[in-house]
N, C-alpha and C. Protein backbone atom coordinates (compact mmCIF):
# COMPACT_ATOMS: atom_id res chain seq x y z
N MET A 1 -14.40 11.03 -4.65
CA MET A 1 -13.28 10.16 -4.45
C MET A 1 -13.78 9.45 -2.86
N ASN A 2 -13.23 8.30 -3.05
CA ASN A 2 -13.42 7.17 -1.80
C ASN A 2 -12.05 7.04 -1.00
N SER A 3 -12.23 6.81 0.30
CA SER A 3 -10.88 6.64 1.12
C SER A 3 -10.75 5.13 1.22
N TYR A 4 -9.56 4.76 1.15
CA TYR A 4 -8.94 3.54 1.19
C TYR A 4 -7.74 3.39 2.06
N ARG A 5 -7.77 2.42 3.04
CA ARG A 5 -6.50 1.82 3.93
C ARG A 5 -5.73 0.82 2.83
N VAL A 6 -4.57 0.95 2.61
CA VAL A 6 -3.63 0.12 1.98
C VAL A 6 -2.55 -0.21 2.82
N SER A 7 -2.50 -1.61 3.07
CA SER A 7 -1.54 -2.15 4.06
C SER A 7 -0.50 -3.16 3.47
N PHE A 8 0.48 -3.22 3.82
CA PHE A 8 1.45 -4.00 3.32
C PHE A 8 2.24 -5.05 4.47
N TYR A 9 2.09 -6.13 4.01
CA TYR A 9 2.69 -6.88 4.90
C TYR A 9 3.54 -8.11 4.36
N LYS A 10 4.41 -8.54 5.48
CA LYS A 10 5.63 -9.96 5.47
C LYS A 10 5.00 -11.07 5.99
N ASP A 11 5.21 -12.00 5.46
CA ASP A 11 4.81 -13.38 6.04
C ASP A 11 6.11 -13.56 6.81
N ARG A 12 5.57 -14.07 8.18
CA ARG A 12 6.45 -14.52 9.13
C ARG A 12 6.25 -15.82 9.55
N PHE A 13 7.20 -16.35 10.34
CA PHE A 13 6.87 -17.69 10.91
C PHE A 13 7.30 -17.46 12.88
N ASN A 14 6.43 -17.68 13.30
CA ASN A 14 6.71 -17.74 14.95
C ASN A 14 7.34 -18.92 15.27
N SER A 15 8.07 -19.06 16.53
CA SER A 15 8.91 -20.12 17.20
C SER A 15 8.13 -21.49 17.01
N GLU A 16 6.72 -21.64 16.77
CA GLU A 16 6.28 -22.87 16.76
C GLU A 16 6.08 -23.22 15.10
N GLY A 17 6.50 -22.36 14.32
CA GLY A 17 6.28 -22.57 13.05
C GLY A 17 5.33 -22.23 12.38
N HIS A 18 4.28 -21.69 12.87
CA HIS A 18 2.98 -20.91 12.35
C HIS A 18 3.20 -19.60 11.74
N SER A 19 2.54 -19.62 10.63
CA SER A 19 2.68 -18.27 9.78
C SER A 19 1.69 -17.29 10.39
N PHE A 20 2.49 -16.04 9.92
CA PHE A 20 1.56 -14.76 10.45
C PHE A 20 1.92 -13.74 9.51
N LYS A 21 1.00 -12.69 9.27
CA LYS A 21 1.39 -11.51 8.64
C LYS A 21 1.85 -10.60 9.45
N CYS A 22 3.02 -9.97 9.29
CA CYS A 22 3.45 -8.80 9.84
C CYS A 22 3.44 -7.44 9.30
N LEU A 23 2.62 -6.46 9.67
CA LEU A 23 2.28 -5.22 9.05
C LEU A 23 3.54 -4.69 8.96
N GLN A 24 3.97 -4.14 7.57
CA GLN A 24 5.19 -3.70 7.46
C GLN A 24 5.01 -1.79 7.16
N HIS A 25 3.88 -1.71 6.37
CA HIS A 25 3.71 -0.13 6.13
C HIS A 25 2.16 0.11 6.00
N GLN A 26 1.58 1.11 6.54
CA GLN A 26 0.15 1.37 6.18
C GLN A 26 -0.13 2.71 5.91
N ILE A 27 -1.12 2.85 4.67
CA ILE A 27 -1.23 4.38 4.57
C ILE A 27 -2.87 4.38 4.00
N VAL A 28 -3.38 5.79 4.16
CA VAL A 28 -4.70 5.75 3.79
C VAL A 28 -4.60 6.73 2.86
N VAL A 29 -5.37 6.56 1.67
CA VAL A 29 -5.65 7.58 0.57
C VAL A 29 -6.80 7.69 0.05
N GLN A 30 -7.11 8.63 -0.79
CA GLN A 30 -8.28 8.90 -1.53
C GLN A 30 -7.99 8.45 -2.92
N SER A 31 -8.87 7.73 -3.60
CA SER A 31 -9.00 7.59 -4.82
C SER A 31 -10.21 7.13 -5.34
N ASP A 32 -10.42 6.90 -6.83
CA ASP A 32 -11.61 6.51 -7.25
C ASP A 32 -12.11 5.02 -7.44
N GLY A 33 -10.95 4.24 -7.02
CA GLY A 33 -11.21 2.83 -6.73
C GLY A 33 -10.04 1.85 -6.15
N PRO A 34 -10.00 0.76 -5.63
CA PRO A 34 -9.07 0.36 -5.09
C PRO A 34 -7.90 0.02 -5.93
N SER A 35 -7.60 -0.49 -7.01
CA SER A 35 -6.56 -0.37 -7.95
C SER A 35 -5.97 0.98 -8.16
N GLN A 36 -6.54 2.08 -8.19
CA GLN A 36 -5.87 3.25 -8.08
C GLN A 36 -5.16 3.60 -6.85
N ALA A 37 -6.11 3.09 -5.79
CA ALA A 37 -5.44 3.49 -4.42
C ALA A 37 -4.24 2.62 -4.13
N LEU A 38 -3.95 1.38 -4.90
CA LEU A 38 -2.90 0.73 -4.66
C LEU A 38 -1.82 1.39 -5.31
N VAL A 39 -2.04 1.64 -6.33
CA VAL A 39 -0.89 2.40 -7.36
C VAL A 39 -0.42 3.61 -6.73
N LEU A 40 -1.50 4.56 -5.92
CA LEU A 40 -1.00 5.77 -5.31
C LEU A 40 -0.27 5.19 -4.14
N ALA A 41 -0.51 4.43 -3.33
CA ALA A 41 -0.02 3.95 -2.07
C ALA A 41 1.37 3.51 -2.23
N GLU A 42 1.68 2.82 -3.54
CA GLU A 42 3.00 2.34 -3.74
C GLU A 42 3.80 3.27 -4.34
N GLN A 43 3.15 4.65 -4.90
CA GLN A 43 3.81 5.81 -5.37
C GLN A 43 4.37 6.63 -4.01
N LEU A 44 3.69 6.60 -3.23
CA LEU A 44 3.72 7.42 -1.95
C LEU A 44 4.96 6.81 -0.94
N ILE A 45 5.17 5.43 -0.73
CA ILE A 45 5.70 4.77 0.03
C ILE A 45 7.22 4.77 -0.63
N GLY A 46 7.21 4.96 -2.01
CA GLY A 46 8.46 4.99 -2.83
C GLY A 46 9.22 3.71 -2.80
N HIS A 47 10.42 3.72 -2.65
CA HIS A 47 11.38 2.52 -2.76
C HIS A 47 11.82 2.22 -1.54
N ALA A 48 11.04 2.39 -0.46
CA ALA A 48 11.38 1.82 0.74
C ALA A 48 11.85 0.46 0.84
N PRO A 49 13.02 0.37 1.66
CA PRO A 49 13.49 -1.37 1.61
C PRO A 49 12.66 -2.17 2.24
N LEU A 50 11.51 -2.43 1.49
CA LEU A 50 10.16 -3.38 2.36
C LEU A 50 10.24 -4.77 1.39
N ASP A 51 10.15 -5.55 2.28
CA ASP A 51 10.14 -7.07 1.65
C ASP A 51 8.63 -7.11 1.77
N ILE A 52 7.67 -6.94 0.83
CA ILE A 52 6.46 -7.20 0.66
C ILE A 52 5.82 -8.45 0.21
N ASP A 53 5.03 -9.31 1.13
CA ASP A 53 4.65 -10.49 0.64
C ASP A 53 3.18 -10.33 0.00
N ARG A 54 2.35 -9.52 0.69
CA ARG A 54 1.02 -9.28 0.63
C ARG A 54 0.50 -7.73 0.88
N VAL A 55 -0.44 -7.51 -0.01
CA VAL A 55 -1.18 -6.19 0.17
C VAL A 55 -2.60 -6.44 0.20
N GLU A 56 -3.30 -5.75 1.39
CA GLU A 56 -4.70 -5.59 1.39
C GLU A 56 -4.96 -4.22 1.18
N VAL A 57 -6.08 -3.98 0.26
CA VAL A 57 -6.97 -2.67 0.17
C VAL A 57 -8.42 -2.70 0.73
N MET A 58 -8.50 -1.75 1.42
CA MET A 58 -10.10 -1.73 2.10
C MET A 58 -10.57 -0.33 2.10
N HIS A 59 -12.25 -0.60 1.37
CA HIS A 59 -12.63 0.66 1.34
C HIS A 59 -12.84 1.29 2.90
N LEU A 60 -12.67 2.25 3.07
CA LEU A 60 -13.35 3.00 4.41
C LEU A 60 -14.60 3.39 4.07
N THR A 61 -15.60 3.39 5.11
CA THR A 61 -16.87 3.91 5.19
C THR A 61 -16.81 5.57 5.05
N ARG A 62 -18.16 6.00 5.33
CA ARG A 62 -18.14 7.37 5.10
C ARG A 62 -18.28 8.11 6.57
N GLY A 63 -18.24 7.03 7.49
CA GLY A 63 -17.94 7.55 8.69
C GLY A 63 -16.62 7.93 9.01
N HIS A 64 -15.63 7.40 8.31
CA HIS A 64 -14.20 7.56 8.36
C HIS A 64 -14.03 9.05 8.00
N ARG A 65 -13.17 9.79 8.59
CA ARG A 65 -12.96 11.16 8.55
C ARG A 65 -12.40 11.72 7.24
N GLU A 66 -12.74 12.37 6.63
CA GLU A 66 -12.12 12.85 5.12
C GLU A 66 -10.73 13.32 5.25
N LEU A 67 -9.96 12.84 4.32
CA LEU A 67 -8.65 13.25 4.31
C LEU A 67 -8.23 14.45 3.33
N ARG A 68 -7.43 15.35 3.86
CA ARG A 68 -7.08 16.38 2.67
C ARG A 68 -5.61 15.64 1.83
N HIS A 69 -4.66 15.10 2.86
CA HIS A 69 -3.59 14.60 2.47
C HIS A 69 -3.54 13.29 2.91
N PRO A 70 -2.74 12.36 2.22
CA PRO A 70 -2.67 10.93 2.46
C PRO A 70 -2.12 10.96 3.86
N GLU A 71 -2.38 9.79 4.37
CA GLU A 71 -2.19 9.59 6.08
C GLU A 71 -1.22 8.38 5.94
N ILE A 72 -0.19 8.65 6.50
CA ILE A 72 0.93 7.40 6.25
C ILE A 72 1.43 7.12 7.52
N GLU A 73 1.23 5.89 7.99
CA GLU A 73 1.84 5.47 9.45
C GLU A 73 3.26 5.01 9.27
N PRO A 74 3.87 5.30 10.27
CA PRO A 74 5.38 4.81 10.30
C PRO A 74 5.51 3.42 10.02
N LEU A 75 6.77 3.04 9.28
CA LEU A 75 6.96 1.47 9.12
C LEU A 75 6.86 0.76 10.48
N THR A 76 6.55 -0.21 10.44
CA THR A 76 6.38 -1.09 11.66
C THR A 76 7.10 -2.43 11.15
N LEU A 77 8.13 -2.91 11.92
CA LEU A 77 8.92 -4.19 11.69
C LEU A 77 8.58 -5.22 12.98
N CYS A 78 8.23 -6.27 12.46
CA CYS A 78 8.21 -7.53 13.48
C CYS A 78 9.34 -8.09 13.66
N THR A 79 9.95 -8.65 14.65
CA THR A 79 10.74 -9.18 14.61
C THR A 79 10.57 -11.08 14.88
């Protein structure tokens, strides 16, 4: 199994009208591939009231510590 970091983002605009992605939720999971990592991450965050515009799945190298359980970072909202 491999480690993947799955990040969920909301697209926002700053006061000058420039767009940026705002991290809404991030989770590290163990899975056989990136597609499975995304499905698992979506299941683990459940039906949280998130307005997600984009998702990034990143494979973590062997140097990243091995996980026994999914690592879920708290919800971060941009204002």
